[in-house]
Amino acid sequence: MNSDMFVRTWANAYNDQDFDRFGELYTDDTTYECGPFGLAFTGRDAFVRHLREYAGAVPDRKFTIKRIIADGDAVAVEYGFAGTSSGAHPGLPPAGEAVTAGFCSVLRLRGDRIASQTDYLGGQ
């Protein structure tokens, strides 16, 4: 599968909140890091569990892909994130208010799965 198709599959699984399909895109021993939020997980199950929990905080969240850059086993994805806060997370706006952010995810692939993901946060 080419990089563009892989990233669109990744984003669609996330946007559809299909956590099983999303998780299948990661290796069992995947690592995840998002420094600005102090998040780090090792293992697909831990990362997917976090995503399931976060889904309650922004239940209508969506990725909008802006750019995909691939080089060897690395793929950088620039995208917008938008949704509505449920009020369930203290770091987010009150219930009913918009949550928006710009991200860049650097995905390192091993075969046809993500072995690591590092997220960088952009402007609001």
C-alpha atoms as a PDB file:
ATOM      1  CA  MET A   1       0.000   0.000   0.000  1.00  0.00           C
ATOM      2  CA  ASN A   2       1.428   3.427  -0.866  1.00  0.00           C
ATOM      3  CA  SER A   3       1.930   6.117   1.788  1.00  0.00           C
ATOM      4  CA  ASP A   4      -1.058   8.254   0.781  1.00  0.00           C
ATOM      5  CA  MET A   5      -3.411   5.284   0.855  1.00  0.00           C
ATOM      6  CA  PHE A   6      -1.991   4.087   4.186  1.00  0.00           C
ATOM      7  CA  VAL A   7      -2.428   7.504   5.814  1.00  0.00           C
ATOM      8  CA  ARG A   8      -5.982   7.840   4.494  1.00  0.00           C
ATOM      9  CA  THR A   9      -6.800   4.389   5.900  1.00  0.00           C
ATOM     10  CA  TRP A  10      -5.286   5.504   9.235  1.00  0.00           C
ATOM     11  CA  ALA A  11      -7.263   8.779   9.292  1.00  0.00           C
ATOM     12  CA  ASN A  12     -10.522   7.091   8.235  1.00  0.00           C
ATOM     13  CA  ALA A  13     -10.242   4.478  10.999  1.00  0.00           C
ATOM     14  CA  TYR A  14      -9.673   7.283  13.520  1.00  0.00           C
ATOM     15  CA  ASN A  15     -12.497   9.441  12.173  1.00  0.00           C
ATOM     16  CA  ASP A  16     -14.869   6.448  12.130  1.00  0.00           C
ATOM     17  CA  GLN A  17     -13.887   5.692  15.741  1.00  0.00           C
ATOM     18  CA  ASP A  18     -13.152   2.147  14.625  1.00  0.00           C
ATOM     19  CA  PHE A  19     -10.599   1.413  17.334  1.00  0.00           C
ATOM     20  CA  ASP A  20     -10.098  -2.207  16.273  1.00  0.00           C
ATOM     21  CA  ARG A  21      -9.308  -1.230  12.675  1.00  0.00           C
ATOM     22  CA  PHE A  22      -7.121   1.651  13.894  1.00  0.00           C
ATOM     23  CA  GLY A  23      -5.225  -0.654  16.266  1.00  0.00           C
ATOM     24  CA  GLU A  24      -4.560  -3.175  13.497  1.00  0.00           C
ATOM     25  CA  LEU A  25      -2.403  -0.535  11.783  1.00  0.00           C
ATOM     26  CA  TYR A  26       0.116  -0.648  14.681  1.00  0.00           C
ATOM     27  CA  THR A  27       2.682  -3.251  15.716  1.00  0.00           C
ATOM     28  CA  ASP A  28       2.145  -5.006  19.044  1.00  0.00           C
ATOM     29  CA  ASP A  29       5.208  -3.215  20.460  1.00  0.00           C
ATOM     30  CA  THR A  30       4.488   0.213  18.988  1.00  0.00           C
ATOM     31  CA  THR A  31       5.612   3.309  20.847  1.00  0.00           C
ATOM     32  CA  TYR A  32       3.714   6.587  21.008  1.00  0.00           C
ATOM     33  CA  GLU A  33       4.860   9.970  22.244  1.00  0.00           C
ATOM     34  CA  CYS A  34       3.273  13.412  22.369  1.00  0.00           C
ATOM     35  CA  GLY A  35       5.665  15.647  24.299  1.00  0.00           C
ATOM     36  CA  PRO A  36       3.440  18.744  24.552  1.00  0.00           C
ATOM     37  CA  PHE A  37       0.826  16.711  26.437  1.00  0.00           C
ATOM     38  CA  GLY A  38       3.340  14.586  28.360  1.00  0.00           C
ATOM     39  CA  LEU A  39       1.968  11.381  26.829  1.00  0.00           C
ATOM     40  CA  ALA A  40       4.004   8.258  26.150  1.00  0.00           C
ATOM     41  CA  PHE A  41       2.766   4.707  25.636  1.00  0.00           C
ATOM     42  CA  THR A  42       4.450   1.445  24.773  1.00  0.00           C
ATOM     43  CA  GLY A  43       2.327  -1.218  23.120  1.00  0.00           C
ATOM     44  CA  ARG A  44      -0.650  -1.079  20.811  1.00  0.00           C
ATOM     45  CA  ASP A  45      -3.147  -2.007  23.537  1.00  0.00           C
ATOM     46  CA  ALA A  46      -2.051   0.855  25.828  1.00  0.00           C
ATOM     47  CA  PHE A  47      -2.212   3.383  22.987  1.00  0.00           C
ATOM     48  CA  VAL A  48      -5.623   2.227  21.744  1.00  0.00           C
ATOM     49  CA  ARG A  49      -6.964   2.202  25.325  1.00  0.00           C
ATOM     50  CA  HIS A  50      -5.903   5.859  25.643  1.00  0.00           C
ATOM     51  CA  LEU A  51      -7.679   6.724  22.375  1.00  0.00           C
ATOM     52  CA  ARG A  52     -10.875   5.028  23.557  1.00  0.00           C
ATOM     53  CA  GLU A  53     -10.787   7.077  26.776  1.00  0.00           C
ATOM     54  CA  TYR A  54     -10.076  10.313  24.908  1.00  0.00           C
ATOM     55  CA  ALA A  55     -13.012   9.635  22.580  1.00  0.00           C
ATOM     56  CA  GLY A  56     -15.304  10.497  25.486  1.00  0.00           C
ATOM     57  CA  ALA A  57     -13.650  13.909  25.873  1.00  0.00           C
ATOM     58  CA  VAL A  58     -14.110  14.899  22.208  1.00  0.00           C
ATOM     59  CA  PRO A  59     -16.637  12.405  20.824  1.00  0.00           C
ATOM     60  CA  ASP A  60     -17.045  14.035  17.390  1.00  0.00           C
ATOM     61  CA  ARG A  61     -13.328  14.560  16.740  1.00  0.00           C
ATOM     62  CA  LYS A  62     -11.973  14.359  13.188  1.00  0.00           C
ATOM     63  CA  PHE A  63      -8.633  14.525  11.399  1.00  0.00           C
ATOM     64  CA  THR A  64      -8.385  16.592   8.228  1.00  0.00           C
ATOM     65  CA  ILE A  65      -5.236  15.716   6.311  1.00  0.00           C
ATOM     66  CA  LYS A  66      -3.294  18.673   4.941  1.00  0.00           C
ATOM     67  CA  ARG A  67      -0.038  17.090   3.742  1.00  0.00           C
ATOM     68  CA  ILE A  68       1.707  13.720   3.600  1.00  0.00           C
ATOM     69  CA  ILE A  69       5.466  13.424   3.181  1.00  0.00           C
ATOM     70  CA  ALA A  70       7.092   9.992   2.906  1.00  0.00           C
ATOM     71  CA  ASP A  71      10.765   9.030   2.989  1.00  0.00           C
ATOM     72  CA  GLY A  72      11.766   5.397   3.335  1.00  0.00           C
ATOM     73  CA  ASP A  73      10.083   3.917   6.406  1.00  0.00           C
ATOM     74  CA  ALA A  74       8.991   7.334   7.734  1.00  0.00           C
ATOM     75  CA  VAL A  75       5.774   9.184   6.934  1.00  0.00           C
ATOM     76  CA  ALA A  76       5.007  12.682   8.210  1.00  0.00           C
ATOM     77  CA  VAL A  77       1.364  13.692   8.277  1.00  0.00           C
ATOM     78  CA  GLU A  78       0.268  17.269   8.826  1.00  0.00           C
ATOM     79  CA  TYR A  79      -3.387  17.493   9.788  1.00  0.00           C
ATOM     80  CA  GLY A  80      -6.014  19.505  11.550  1.00  0.00           C
ATOM     81  CA  PHE A  81      -7.908  18.148  14.535  1.00  0.00           C
ATOM     82  CA  ALA A  82     -11.374  19.454  15.348  1.00  0.00           C
ATOM     83  CA  GLY A  83     -14.279  18.467  17.529  1.00  0.00           C
ATOM     84  CA  THR A  84     -16.470  19.539  20.430  1.00  0.00           C
ATOM     85  CA  SER A  85     -15.511  19.201  24.080  1.00  0.00           C
ATOM     86  CA  SER A  86     -17.761  17.026  26.222  1.00  0.00           C
ATOM     87  CA  GLY A  87     -16.398  18.734  29.337  1.00  0.00           C
ATOM     88  CA  ALA A  88     -14.986  15.406  30.564  1.00  0.00           C
ATOM     89  CA  HIS A  89     -11.309  16.399  30.441  1.00  0.00           C
ATOM     90  CA  PRO A  90      -9.920  19.202  32.645  1.00  0.00           C
ATOM     91  CA  GLY A  91      -7.372  20.254  29.990  1.00  0.00           C
ATOM     92  CA  LEU A  92     -10.051  20.989  27.403  1.00  0.00           C
ATOM     93  CA  PRO A  93     -12.608  23.789  27.024  1.00  0.00           C
ATOM     94  CA  PRO A  94     -15.991  23.493  28.768  1.00  0.00           C
ATOM     95  CA  ALA A  95     -18.691  21.241  27.335  1.00  0.00           C
ATOM     96  CA  GLY A  96     -20.021  22.332  23.982  1.00  0.00           C
ATOM     97  CA  GLU A  97     -17.002  24.437  23.027  1.00  0.00           C
ATOM     98  CA  ALA A  98     -14.760  23.751  20.034  1.00  0.00           C
ATOM     99  CA  VAL A  99     -11.472  21.903  20.334  1.00  0.00           C
ATOM    100  CA  THR A 100      -9.094  22.561  17.451  1.00  0.00           C
ATOM    101  CA  ALA A 101      -5.395  21.986  16.929  1.00  0.00           C
ATOM    102  CA  GLY A 102      -2.824  21.446  14.256  1.00  0.00           C
ATOM    103  CA  PHE A 103      -0.669  18.326  14.459  1.00  0.00           C
ATOM    104  CA  CYS A 104       2.185  16.683  12.675  1.00  0.00           C
ATOM    105  CA  SER A 105       2.543  12.959  13.277  1.00  0.00           C
ATOM    106  CA  VAL A 106       5.726  11.198  12.295  1.00  0.00           C
ATOM    107  CA  LEU A 107       4.963   7.536  11.705  1.00  0.00           C
ATOM    108  CA  ARG A 108       7.815   5.026  11.465  1.00  0.00           C
ATOM    109  CA  LEU A 109       6.683   1.934   9.626  1.00  0.00           C
ATOM    110  CA  ARG A 110       7.816  -1.644  10.031  1.00  0.00           C
ATOM    111  CA  GLY A 111       6.453  -3.532   7.072  1.00  0.00           C
ATOM    112  CA  ASP A 112       2.837  -2.456   6.673  1.00  0.00           C
ATOM    113  CA  ARG A 113       2.314  -1.323  10.291  1.00  0.00           C
ATOM    114  CA  ILE A 114       3.222   1.629  12.470  1.00  0.00           C
ATOM    115  CA  ALA A 115       6.115   0.796  14.820  1.00  0.00           C
ATOM    116  CA  SER A 116       6.231   4.275  16.370  1.00  0.00           C
ATOM    117  CA  GLN A 117       4.302   7.520  16.297  1.00  0.00           C
ATOM    118  CA  THR A 118       5.538  10.869  17.542  1.00  0.00           C
ATOM    119  CA  ASP A 119       3.058  13.744  17.571  1.00  0.00           C
ATOM    120  CA  TYR A 120       4.003  17.405  17.410  1.00  0.00           C
ATOM    121  CA  LEU A 121       1.419  20.040  18.263  1.00  0.00           C
ATOM    122  CA  GLY A 122       0.922  23.115  16.113  1.00  0.00           C
ATOM    123  CA  GLY A 123      -1.144  26.255  16.564  1.00  0.00           C
ATOM    124  CA  GLN A 124      -4.685  26.366  17.821  1.00  0.00           C
END
